[in-house]
Amino acid sequence: MANQDVAEKKSSGGLSFLEPAREYIRETLGELRKVHWPTRTDARNLTTVVLAVTLVMAAFLGLFDFLFGRLIEEILVSNVIAIAIAVVIVLSIIVLVVFASRDYR
């Protein structure tokens, strides 16, 4: 039965090579009709949230970049206190990774 359908489609002639593209576009438009599009207010509110989070994360990462850059400068100058701080930071990161990877069931 399926072979007959395929044979009928192939024998239709004309521009049969465009049929897959037409079917794709038809199905895509059908799916786009099902999408719940946000209202203008929702889009504005969500955009504001994304921009705010982006700015906060940029400031946060910029601060850490500055602090770690200063720490590396101090380590290169061989400041003992900076080396101790770096060791504490590395050890605390290792401990956090170990505890975060545990399975508490």
PDB file of N, CA and C in Angstrom:
ATOM      1  N   MET A   1       0.827  -1.189   0.000  1.00  0.00           N
ATOM      2  CA  MET A   1       0.000   0.000   0.000  1.00  0.00           C
ATOM      3  C   MET A   1       0.874   1.257   0.000  1.00  0.00           C
ATOM      4  N   ALA A   2       1.891   1.261   0.869  1.00  0.00           N
ATOM      5  CA  ALA A   2       2.773   2.419   0.942  1.00  0.00           C
ATOM      6  C   ALA A   2       3.565   2.584  -0.342  1.00  0.00           C
ATOM      7  N   ASN A   3       3.951   1.462  -0.964  1.00  0.00           N
ATOM      8  CA  ASN A   3       4.702   1.529  -2.215  1.00  0.00           C
ATOM      9  C   ASN A   3       3.864   2.143  -3.328  1.00  0.00           C
ATOM     10  N   GLN A   4       2.557   1.876  -3.316  1.00  0.00           N
ATOM     11  CA  GLN A   4       1.688   2.460  -4.331  1.00  0.00           C
ATOM     12  C   GLN A   4       1.602   3.969  -4.159  1.00  0.00           C
ATOM     13  N   ASP A   5       1.538   4.433  -2.883  1.00  0.00           N
ATOM     14  CA  ASP A   5       1.480   5.871  -2.629  1.00  0.00           C
ATOM     15  C   ASP A   5       2.744   6.555  -3.127  1.00  0.00           C
ATOM     16  N   VAL A   6       3.886   5.928  -2.872  1.00  0.00           N
ATOM     17  CA  VAL A   6       5.149   6.495  -3.314  1.00  0.00           C
ATOM     18  C   VAL A   6       5.201   6.515  -4.835  1.00  0.00           C
ATOM     19  N   ALA A   7       4.755   5.436  -5.479  1.00  0.00           N
ATOM     20  CA  ALA A   7       4.766   5.367  -6.940  1.00  0.00           C
ATOM     21  C   ALA A   7       3.844   6.423  -7.529  1.00  0.00           C
ATOM     22  N   GLU A   8       2.683   6.651  -6.904  1.00  0.00           N
ATOM     23  CA  GLU A   8       1.763   7.659  -7.409  1.00  0.00           C
ATOM     24  C   GLU A   8       2.350   9.056  -7.283  1.00  0.00           C
ATOM     25  N   LYS A   9       3.040   9.311  -6.170  1.00  0.00           N
ATOM     26  CA  LYS A   9       3.633  10.633  -5.990  1.00  0.00           C
ATOM     27  C   LYS A   9       4.743  10.872  -7.008  1.00  0.00           C
ATOM     28  N   LYS A  10       5.547   9.846  -7.295  1.00  0.00           N
ATOM     29  CA  LYS A  10       6.643  10.001  -8.240  1.00  0.00           C
ATOM     30  C   LYS A  10       6.135  10.160  -9.666  1.00  0.00           C
ATOM     31  N   SER A  11       5.034   9.552  -9.956  1.00  0.00           N
ATOM     32  CA  SER A  11       4.543   9.602 -11.327  1.00  0.00           C
ATOM     33  C   SER A  11       3.730  10.854 -11.620  1.00  0.00           C
ATOM     34  N   SER A  12       3.582  11.757 -10.634  1.00  0.00           N
ATOM     35  CA  SER A  12       2.779  12.954 -10.865  1.00  0.00           C
ATOM     36  C   SER A  12       3.461  13.911 -11.832  1.00  0.00           C
ATOM     37  N   GLY A  13       4.801  13.784 -12.012  1.00  0.00           N
ATOM     38  CA  GLY A  13       5.515  14.592 -12.989  1.00  0.00           C
ATOM     39  C   GLY A  13       5.652  16.028 -12.535  1.00  0.00           C
ATOM     40  N   GLY A  14       6.027  16.888 -13.442  1.00  0.00           N
ATOM     41  CA  GLY A  14       6.152  18.301 -13.131  1.00  0.00           C
ATOM     42  C   GLY A  14       7.338  18.581 -12.228  1.00  0.00           C
ATOM     43  N   LEU A  15       7.107  19.399 -11.233  1.00  0.00           N
ATOM     44  CA  LEU A  15       8.152  19.823 -10.316  1.00  0.00           C
ATOM     45  C   LEU A  15       8.098  19.024  -9.024  1.00  0.00           C
ATOM     46  N   SER A  16       8.200  17.716  -9.132  1.00  0.00           N
ATOM     47  CA  SER A  16       8.084  16.859  -7.956  1.00  0.00           C
ATOM     48  C   SER A  16       9.255  17.040  -6.997  1.00  0.00           C
ATOM     49  N   PHE A  17      10.369  17.562  -7.465  1.00  0.00           N
ATOM     50  CA  PHE A  17      11.509  17.764  -6.575  1.00  0.00           C
ATOM     51  C   PHE A  17      11.257  18.919  -5.592  1.00  0.00           C
ATOM     52  N   LEU A  18      10.268  19.771  -5.864  1.00  0.00           N
ATOM     53  CA  LEU A  18       9.917  20.853  -4.952  1.00  0.00           C
ATOM     54  C   LEU A  18       8.922  20.418  -3.883  1.00  0.00           C
ATOM     55  N   GLU A  19       8.331  19.263  -4.049  1.00  0.00           N
ATOM     56  CA  GLU A  19       7.307  18.801  -3.100  1.00  0.00           C
ATOM     57  C   GLU A  19       7.822  18.702  -1.664  1.00  0.00           C
ATOM     58  N   PRO A  20       9.022  18.164  -1.406  1.00  0.00           N
ATOM     59  CA  PRO A  20       9.498  18.128  -0.013  1.00  0.00           C
ATOM     60  C   PRO A  20       9.626  19.524   0.598  1.00  0.00           C
ATOM     61  N   ALA A  21      10.053  20.494  -0.192  1.00  0.00           N
ATOM     62  CA  ALA A  21      10.172  21.859   0.318  1.00  0.00           C
ATOM     63  C   ALA A  21       8.793  22.435   0.629  1.00  0.00           C
ATOM     64  N   ARG A  22       7.829  22.187  -0.242  1.00  0.00           N
ATOM     65  CA  ARG A  22       6.460  22.666   0.008  1.00  0.00           C
ATOM     66  C   ARG A  22       5.885  22.032   1.263  1.00  0.00           C
ATOM     67  N   GLU A  23       6.115  20.724   1.424  1.00  0.00           N
ATOM     68  CA  GLU A  23       5.605  20.025   2.610  1.00  0.00           C
ATOM     69  C   GLU A  23       6.257  20.577   3.873  1.00  0.00           C
ATOM     70  N   TYR A  24       7.548  20.849   3.806  1.00  0.00           N
ATOM     71  CA  TYR A  24       8.264  21.411   4.949  1.00  0.00           C
ATOM     72  C   TYR A  24       7.684  22.772   5.326  1.00  0.00           C
ATOM     73  N   ILE A  25       7.479  23.619   4.354  1.00  0.00           N
ATOM     74  CA  ILE A  25       6.932  24.961   4.617  1.00  0.00           C
ATOM     75  C   ILE A  25       5.521  24.854   5.165  1.00  0.00           C
ATOM     76  N   ARG A  26       4.711  23.965   4.605  1.00  0.00           N
ATOM     77  CA  ARG A  26       3.346  23.771   5.070  1.00  0.00           C
ATOM     78  C   ARG A  26       3.327  23.322   6.538  1.00  0.00           C
ATOM     79  N   GLU A  27       4.182  22.354   6.878  1.00  0.00           N
ATOM     80  CA  GLU A  27       4.232  21.857   8.245  1.00  0.00           C
ATOM     81  C   GLU A  27       4.776  22.917   9.205  1.00  0.00           C
ATOM     82  N   THR A  28       5.761  23.686   8.748  1.00  0.00           N
ATOM     83  CA  THR A  28       6.330  24.737   9.578  1.00  0.00           C
ATOM     84  C   THR A  28       5.289  25.805   9.889  1.00  0.00           C
ATOM     85  N   LEU A  29       4.534  26.216   8.887  1.00  0.00           N
ATOM     86  CA  LEU A  29       3.482  27.209   9.118  1.00  0.00           C
ATOM     87  C   LEU A  29       2.416  26.666  10.061  1.00  0.00           C
ATOM     88  N   GLY A  30       2.094  25.390   9.934  1.00  0.00           N
ATOM     89  CA  GLY A  30       1.133  24.777  10.849  1.00  0.00           C
ATOM     90  C   GLY A  30       1.628  24.798  12.282  1.00  0.00           C
ATOM     91  N   GLU A  31       2.911  24.525  12.479  1.00  0.00           N
ATOM     92  CA  GLU A  31       3.477  24.553  13.829  1.00  0.00           C
ATOM     93  C   GLU A  31       3.530  25.977  14.370  1.00  0.00           C
ATOM     94  N   LEU A  32       3.841  26.952  13.510  1.00  0.00           N
ATOM     95  CA  LEU A  32       3.901  28.340  13.958  1.00  0.00           C
ATOM     96  C   LEU A  32       2.526  28.858  14.384  1.00  0.00           C
ATOM     97  N   ARG A  33       1.465  28.314  13.807  1.00  0.00           N
ATOM     98  CA  ARG A  33       0.116  28.712  14.225  1.00  0.00           C
ATOM     99  C   ARG A  33      -0.195  28.220  15.633  1.00  0.00           C
ATOM    100  N   LYS A  34       0.466  27.149  16.061  1.00  0.00           N
ATOM    101  CA  LYS A  34       0.221  26.585  17.390  1.00  0.00           C
ATOM    102  C   LYS A  34       0.991  27.310  18.499  1.00  0.00           C
ATOM    103  N   VAL A  35       1.950  28.147  18.118  1.00  0.00           N
ATOM    104  CA  VAL A  35       2.813  28.804  19.102  1.00  0.00           C
ATOM    105  C   VAL A  35       2.010  29.846  19.870  1.00  0.00           C
ATOM    106  N   HIS A  36       2.246  29.894  21.190  1.00  0.00           N
ATOM    107  CA  HIS A  36       1.638  30.939  22.031  1.00  0.00           C
ATOM    108  C   HIS A  36       2.602  32.118  22.041  1.00  0.00           C
ATOM    109  N   TRP A  37       2.298  33.142  21.234  1.00  0.00           N
ATOM    110  CA  TRP A  37       3.176  34.293  21.122  1.00  0.00           C
ATOM    111  C   TRP A  37       2.928  35.238  22.293  1.00  0.00           C
ATOM    112  N   PRO A  38       3.985  35.808  22.887  1.00  0.00           N
ATOM    113  CA  PRO A  38       3.792  36.726  24.022  1.00  0.00           C
ATOM    114  C   PRO A  38       3.204  38.051  23.554  1.00  0.00           C
ATOM    115  N   THR A  39       2.518  38.697  24.472  1.00  0.00           N
ATOM    116  CA  THR A  39       1.991  40.027  24.163  1.00  0.00           C
ATOM    117  C   THR A  39       3.152  41.017  24.164  1.00  0.00           C
ATOM    118  N   ARG A  40       2.875  42.234  23.711  1.00  0.00           N
ATOM    119  CA  ARG A  40       3.913  43.262  23.683  1.00  0.00           C
ATOM    120  C   ARG A  40       4.421  43.551  25.101  1.00  0.00           C
ATOM    121  N   THR A  41       3.517  43.568  26.078  1.00  0.00           N
ATOM    122  CA  THR A  41       3.915  43.818  27.465  1.00  0.00           C
ATOM    123  C   THR A  41       4.783  42.685  28.000  1.00  0.00           C
ATOM    124  N   ASP A  42       4.386  41.451  27.711  1.00  0.00           N
ATOM    125  CA  ASP A  42       5.198  40.309  28.150  1.00  0.00           C
ATOM    126  C   ASP A  42       6.590  40.354  27.524  1.00  0.00           C
ATOM    127  N   ALA A  43       6.657  40.663  26.249  1.00  0.00           N
ATOM    128  CA  ALA A  43       7.951  40.716  25.562  1.00  0.00           C
ATOM    129  C   ALA A  43       8.832  41.818  26.163  1.00  0.00           C
ATOM    130  N   ARG A  44       8.227  42.967  26.464  1.00  0.00           N
ATOM    131  CA  ARG A  44       8.988  44.065  27.060  1.00  0.00           C
ATOM    132  C   ARG A  44       9.490  43.685  28.448  1.00  0.00           C
ATOM    133  N   ASN A  45       8.623  43.052  29.260  1.00  0.00           N
ATOM    134  CA  ASN A  45       9.020  42.651  30.611  1.00  0.00           C
ATOM    135  C   ASN A  45      10.130  41.599  30.569  1.00  0.00           C
ATOM    136  N   LEU A  46       9.992  40.609  29.693  1.00  0.00           N
ATOM    137  CA  LEU A  46      11.017  39.568  29.594  1.00  0.00           C
ATOM    138  C   LEU A  46      12.335  40.133  29.074  1.00  0.00           C
ATOM    139  N   THR A  47      12.270  41.075  28.145  1.00  0.00           N
ATOM    140  CA  THR A  47      13.479  41.719  27.645  1.00  0.00           C
ATOM    141  C   THR A  47      14.174  42.496  28.749  1.00  0.00           C
ATOM    142  N   THR A  48      13.383  43.182  29.584  1.00  0.00           N
ATOM    143  CA  THR A  48      13.951  43.927  30.712  1.00  0.00           C
ATOM    144  C   THR A  48      14.650  42.989  31.685  1.00  0.00           C
ATOM    145  N   VAL A  49      14.037  41.849  31.957  1.00  0.00           N
ATOM    146  CA  VAL A  49      14.648  40.874  32.868  1.00  0.00           C
ATOM    147  C   VAL A  49      15.960  40.360  32.281  1.00  0.00           C
ATOM    148  N   VAL A  50      15.961  40.030  31.004  1.00  0.00           N
ATOM    149  CA  VAL A  50      17.180  39.514  30.364  1.00  0.00           C
ATOM    150  C   VAL A  50      18.287  40.562  30.400  1.00  0.00           C
ATOM    151  N   LEU A  51      17.960  41.808  30.087  1.00  0.00           N
ATOM    152  CA  LEU A  51      18.975  42.867  30.111  1.00  0.00           C
ATOM    153  C   LEU A  51      19.503  43.102  31.518  1.00  0.00           C
ATOM    154  N   ALA A  52      18.621  43.087  32.522  1.00  0.00           N
ATOM    155  CA  ALA A  52      19.051  43.294  33.903  1.00  0.00           C
ATOM    156  C   ALA A  52      19.976  42.168  34.366  1.00  0.00           C
ATOM    157  N   VAL A  53      19.595  40.943  34.089  1.00  0.00           N
ATOM    158  CA  VAL A  53      20.441  39.803  34.477  1.00  0.00           C
ATOM    159  C   VAL A  53      21.778  39.866  33.746  1.00  0.00           C
ATOM    160  N   THR A  54      21.763  40.252  32.482  1.00  0.00           N
ATOM    161  CA  THR A  54      22.997  40.364  31.715  1.00  0.00           C
ATOM    162  C   THR A  54      23.922  41.417  32.313  1.00  0.00           C
ATOM    163  N   LEU A  55      23.373  42.567  32.679  1.00  0.00           N
ATOM    164  CA  LEU A  55      24.191  43.631  33.271  1.00  0.00           C
ATOM    165  C   LEU A  55      24.747  43.218  34.634  1.00  0.00           C
ATOM    166  N   VAL A  56      23.925  42.575  35.460  1.00  0.00           N
ATOM    167  CA  VAL A  56      24.390  42.131  36.773  1.00  0.00           C
ATOM    168  C   VAL A  56      25.499  41.091  36.618  1.00  0.00           C
ATOM    169  N   MET A  57      25.306  40.139  35.720  1.00  0.00           N
ATOM    170  CA  MET A  57      26.333  39.114  35.513  1.00  0.00           C
ATOM    171  C   MET A  57      27.605  39.723  34.928  1.00  0.00           C
ATOM    172  N   ALA A  58      27.485  40.713  34.055  1.00  0.00           N
ATOM    173  CA  ALA A  58      28.661  41.373  33.492  1.00  0.00           C
ATOM    174  C   ALA A  58      29.438  42.087  34.596  1.00  0.00           C
ATOM    175  N   ALA A  59      28.728  42.771  35.492  1.00  0.00           N
ATOM    176  CA  ALA A  59      29.389  43.443  36.611  1.00  0.00           C
ATOM    177  C   ALA A  59      30.046  42.426  37.542  1.00  0.00           C
ATOM    178  N   PHE A  60      29.332  41.338  37.825  1.00  0.00           N
ATOM    179  CA  PHE A  60      29.848  40.292  38.708  1.00  0.00           C
ATOM    180  C   PHE A  60      31.113  39.671  38.124  1.00  0.00           C
ATOM    181  N   LEU A  61      31.056  39.288  36.844  1.00  0.00           N
ATOM    182  CA  LEU A  61      32.223  38.685  36.203  1.00  0.00           C
ATOM    183  C   LEU A  61      33.363  39.693  36.041  1.00  0.00           C
ATOM    184  N   GLY A  62      33.034  40.939  35.770  1.00  0.00           N
ATOM    185  CA  GLY A  62      34.063  41.980  35.682  1.00  0.00           C
ATOM    186  C   GLY A  62      34.775  42.185  37.006  1.00  0.00           C
ATOM    187  N   LEU A  63      34.022  42.169  38.115  1.00  0.00           N
ATOM    188  CA  LEU A  63      34.612  42.308  39.443  1.00  0.00           C
ATOM    189  C   LEU A  63      35.552  41.145  39.738  1.00  0.00           C
ATOM    190  N   PHE A  64      35.097  39.913  39.458  1.00  0.00           N
ATOM    191  CA  PHE A  64      35.956  38.756  39.704  1.00  0.00           C
ATOM    192  C   PHE A  64      37.180  38.775  38.798  1.00  0.00           C
ATOM    193  N   ASP A  65      37.032  39.211  37.560  1.00  0.00           N
ATOM    194  CA  ASP A  65      38.175  39.317  36.656  1.00  0.00           C
ATOM    195  C   ASP A  65      39.195  40.296  37.219  1.00  0.00           C
ATOM    196  N   PHE A  66      38.714  41.430  37.707  1.00  0.00           N
ATOM    197  CA  PHE A  66      39.603  42.428  38.292  1.00  0.00           C
ATOM    198  C   PHE A  66      40.310  41.877  39.529  1.00  0.00           C
ATOM    199  N   LEU A  67      39.538  41.231  40.418  1.00  0.00           N
ATOM    200  CA  LEU A  67      40.126  40.701  41.652  1.00  0.00           C
ATOM    201  C   LEU A  67      41.147  39.600  41.373  1.00  0.00           C
ATOM    202  N   PHE A  68      40.808  38.665  40.477  1.00  0.00           N
ATOM    203  CA  PHE A  68      41.753  37.599  40.165  1.00  0.00           C
ATOM    204  C   PHE A  68      42.966  38.142  39.412  1.00  0.00           C
ATOM    205  N   GLY A  69      42.782  39.158  38.603  1.00  0.00           N
ATOM    206  CA  GLY A  69      43.917  39.790  37.933  1.00  0.00           C
ATOM    207  C   GLY A  69      44.876  40.415  38.935  1.00  0.00           C
ATOM    208  N   ARG A  70      44.293  41.120  39.913  1.00  0.00           N
ATOM    209  CA  ARG A  70      45.136  41.704  40.978  1.00  0.00           C
ATOM    210  C   ARG A  70      45.832  40.614  41.780  1.00  0.00           C
ATOM    211  N   LEU A  71      45.117  39.534  42.049  1.00  0.00           N
ATOM    212  CA  LEU A  71      45.697  38.433  42.809  1.00  0.00           C
ATOM    213  C   LEU A  71      46.875  37.815  42.057  1.00  0.00           C
ATOM    214  N   ILE A  72      46.731  37.617  40.767  1.00  0.00           N
ATOM    215  CA  ILE A  72      47.812  37.059  39.955  1.00  0.00           C
ATOM    216  C   ILE A  72      49.006  38.013  39.931  1.00  0.00           C
ATOM    217  N   GLU A  73      48.733  39.328  39.837  1.00  0.00           N
ATOM    218  CA  GLU A  73      49.827  40.297  39.881  1.00  0.00           C
ATOM    219  C   GLU A  73      50.593  40.190  41.187  1.00  0.00           C
ATOM    220  N   GLU A  74      49.868  40.066  42.294  1.00  0.00           N
ATOM    221  CA  GLU A  74      50.506  39.955  43.602  1.00  0.00           C
ATOM    222  C   GLU A  74      51.292  38.653  43.721  1.00  0.00           C
ATOM    223  N   ILE A  75      50.763  37.582  43.160  1.00  0.00           N
ATOM    224  CA  ILE A  75      51.482  36.302  43.204  1.00  0.00           C
ATOM    225  C   ILE A  75      52.774  36.404  42.401  1.00  0.00           C
ATOM    226  N   LEU A  76      52.721  37.060  41.255  1.00  0.00           N
ATOM    227  CA  LEU A  76      53.913  37.203  40.432  1.00  0.00           C
ATOM    228  C   LEU A  76      54.971  38.068  41.112  1.00  0.00           C
ATOM    229  N   VAL A  77      54.550  38.976  41.969  1.00  0.00           N
ATOM    230  CA  VAL A  77      55.485  39.798  42.718  1.00  0.00           C
ATOM    231  C   VAL A  77      55.965  39.045  43.959  1.00  0.00           C
ATOM    232  N   SER A  78      55.398  37.874  44.204  1.00  0.00           N
ATOM    233  CA  SER A  78      55.755  36.991  45.317  1.00  0.00           C
ATOM    234  C   SER A  78      55.350  37.545  46.671  1.00  0.00           C
ATOM    235  N   ASN A  79      54.165  38.048  46.751  1.00  0.00           N
ATOM    236  CA  ASN A  79      53.611  38.484  48.023  1.00  0.00           C
ATOM    237  C   ASN A  79      53.082  37.242  48.734  1.00  0.00           C
ATOM    238  N   VAL A  80      53.548  36.984  49.925  1.00  0.00           N
ATOM    239  CA  VAL A  80      53.199  35.778  50.670  1.00  0.00           C
ATOM    240  C   VAL A  80      51.703  35.754  50.999  1.00  0.00           C
ATOM    241  N   ILE A  81      51.136  36.880  51.339  1.00  0.00           N
ATOM    242  CA  ILE A  81      49.710  36.931  51.684  1.00  0.00           C
ATOM    243  C   ILE A  81      48.864  36.584  50.457  1.00  0.00           C
ATOM    244  N   ALA A  82      49.235  37.100  49.308  1.00  0.00           N
ATOM    245  CA  ALA A  82      48.493  36.803  48.087  1.00  0.00           C
ATOM    246  C   ALA A  82      48.586  35.322  47.743  1.00  0.00           C
ATOM    247  N   ILE A  83      49.737  34.717  47.938  1.00  0.00           N
ATOM    248  CA  ILE A  83      49.895  33.288  47.678  1.00  0.00           C
ATOM    249  C   ILE A  83      48.997  32.489  48.615  1.00  0.00           C
ATOM    250  N   ALA A  84      48.944  32.889  49.895  1.00  0.00           N
ATOM    251  CA  ALA A  84      48.083  32.191  50.862  1.00  0.00           C
ATOM    252  C   ALA A  84      46.614  32.323  50.463  1.00  0.00           C
ATOM    253  N   ILE A  85      46.211  33.509  50.021  1.00  0.00           N
ATOM    254  CA  ILE A  85      44.825  33.714  49.586  1.00  0.00           C
ATOM    255  C   ILE A  85      44.526  32.843  48.371  1.00  0.00           C
ATOM    256  N   ALA A  86      45.469  32.752  47.444  1.00  0.00           N
ATOM    257  CA  ALA A  86      45.266  31.931  46.254  1.00  0.00           C
ATOM    258  C   ALA A  86      45.121  30.464  46.630  1.00  0.00           C
ATOM    259  N   VAL A  87      45.926  30.000  47.571  1.00  0.00           N
ATOM    260  CA  VAL A  87      45.830  28.609  48.016  1.00  0.00           C
ATOM    261  C   VAL A  87      44.477  28.346  48.657  1.00  0.00           C
ATOM    262  N   VAL A  88      44.000  29.271  49.487  1.00  0.00           N
ATOM    263  CA  VAL A  88      42.698  29.123  50.132  1.00  0.00           C
ATOM    264  C   VAL A  88      41.585  29.092  49.085  1.00  0.00           C
ATOM    265  N   ILE A  89      41.661  29.945  48.089  1.00  0.00           N
ATOM    266  CA  ILE A  89      40.640  29.982  47.035  1.00  0.00           C
ATOM    267  C   ILE A  89      40.630  28.673  46.263  1.00  0.00           C
ATOM    268  N   VAL A  90      41.810  28.174  45.893  1.00  0.00           N
ATOM    269  CA  VAL A  90      41.874  26.926  45.134  1.00  0.00           C
ATOM    270  C   VAL A  90      41.338  25.769  45.957  1.00  0.00           C
ATOM    271  N   LEU A  91      41.720  25.705  47.227  1.00  0.00           N
ATOM    272  CA  LEU A  91      41.220  24.629  48.087  1.00  0.00           C
ATOM    273  C   LEU A  91      39.710  24.716  48.287  1.00  0.00           C
ATOM    274  N   SER A  92      39.184  25.924  48.439  1.00  0.00           N
ATOM    275  CA  SER A  92      37.735  26.064  48.626  1.00  0.00           C
ATOM    276  C   SER A  92      36.984  25.660  47.349  1.00  0.00           C
ATOM    277  N   ILE A  93      37.537  25.960  46.186  1.00  0.00           N
ATOM    278  CA  ILE A  93      36.898  25.538  44.939  1.00  0.00           C
ATOM    279  C   ILE A  93      36.895  24.025  44.833  1.00  0.00           C
ATOM    280  N   ILE A  94      38.017  23.390  45.206  1.00  0.00           N
ATOM    281  CA  ILE A  94      38.083  21.928  45.173  1.00  0.00           C
ATOM    282  C   ILE A  94      37.053  21.322  46.112  1.00  0.00           C
ATOM    283  N   VAL A  95      36.932  21.867  47.324  1.00  0.00           N
ATOM    284  CA  VAL A  95      35.947  21.358  48.290  1.00  0.00           C
ATOM    285  C   VAL A  95      34.532  21.544  47.756  1.00  0.00           C
ATOM    286  N   LEU A  96      34.241  22.703  47.170  1.00  0.00           N
ATOM    287  CA  LEU A  96      32.902  22.946  46.617  1.00  0.00           C
ATOM    288  C   LEU A  96      32.586  21.966  45.492  1.00  0.00           C
ATOM    289  N   VAL A  97      33.550  21.696  44.637  1.00  0.00           N
ATOM    290  CA  VAL A  97      33.318  20.763  43.532  1.00  0.00           C
ATOM    291  C   VAL A  97      33.066  19.366  44.062  1.00  0.00           C
ATOM    292  N   VAL A  98      33.831  18.957  45.072  1.00  0.00           N
ATOM    293  CA  VAL A  98      33.653  17.620  45.638  1.00  0.00           C
ATOM    294  C   VAL A  98      32.283  17.485  46.282  1.00  0.00           C
ATOM    295  N   PHE A  99      31.874  18.484  47.075  1.00  0.00           N
ATOM    296  CA  PHE A  99      30.567  18.398  47.735  1.00  0.00           C
ATOM    297  C   PHE A  99      29.412  18.554  46.747  1.00  0.00           C
ATOM    298  N   ALA A 100      29.593  19.338  45.693  1.00  0.00           N
ATOM    299  CA  ALA A 100      28.532  19.519  44.702  1.00  0.00           C
ATOM    300  C   ALA A 100      28.327  18.253  43.878  1.00  0.00           C
ATOM    301  N   SER A 101      29.377  17.457  43.726  1.00  0.00           N
ATOM    302  CA  SER A 101      29.246  16.258  42.903  1.00  0.00           C
ATOM    303  C   SER A 101      28.744  15.058  43.677  1.00  0.00           C
ATOM    304  N   ARG A 102      28.568  15.180  44.983  1.00  0.00           N
ATOM    305  CA  ARG A 102      28.064  14.063  45.783  1.00  0.00           C
ATOM    306  C   ARG A 102      26.574  13.838  45.527  1.00  0.00           C
ATOM    307  N   ASP A 103      26.183  12.578  45.663  1.00  0.00           N
ATOM    308  CA  ASP A 103      24.782  12.216  45.492  1.00  0.00           C
ATOM    309  C   ASP A 103      24.203  11.941  46.888  1.00  0.00           C
ATOM    310  N   TYR A 104      23.288  12.811  47.330  1.00  0.00           N
ATOM    311  CA  TYR A 104      22.714  12.686  48.673  1.00  0.00           C
ATOM    312  C   TYR A 104      21.349  12.008  48.606  1.00  0.00           C
ATOM    313  N   ARG A 105      21.334  10.709  48.444  1.00  0.00           N
ATOM    314  CA  ARG A 105      20.053   9.992  48.400  1.00  0.00           C
ATOM    315  C   ARG A 105      19.854   9.199  49.636  1.00  0.00           C
TER     316      ARG A 105
END
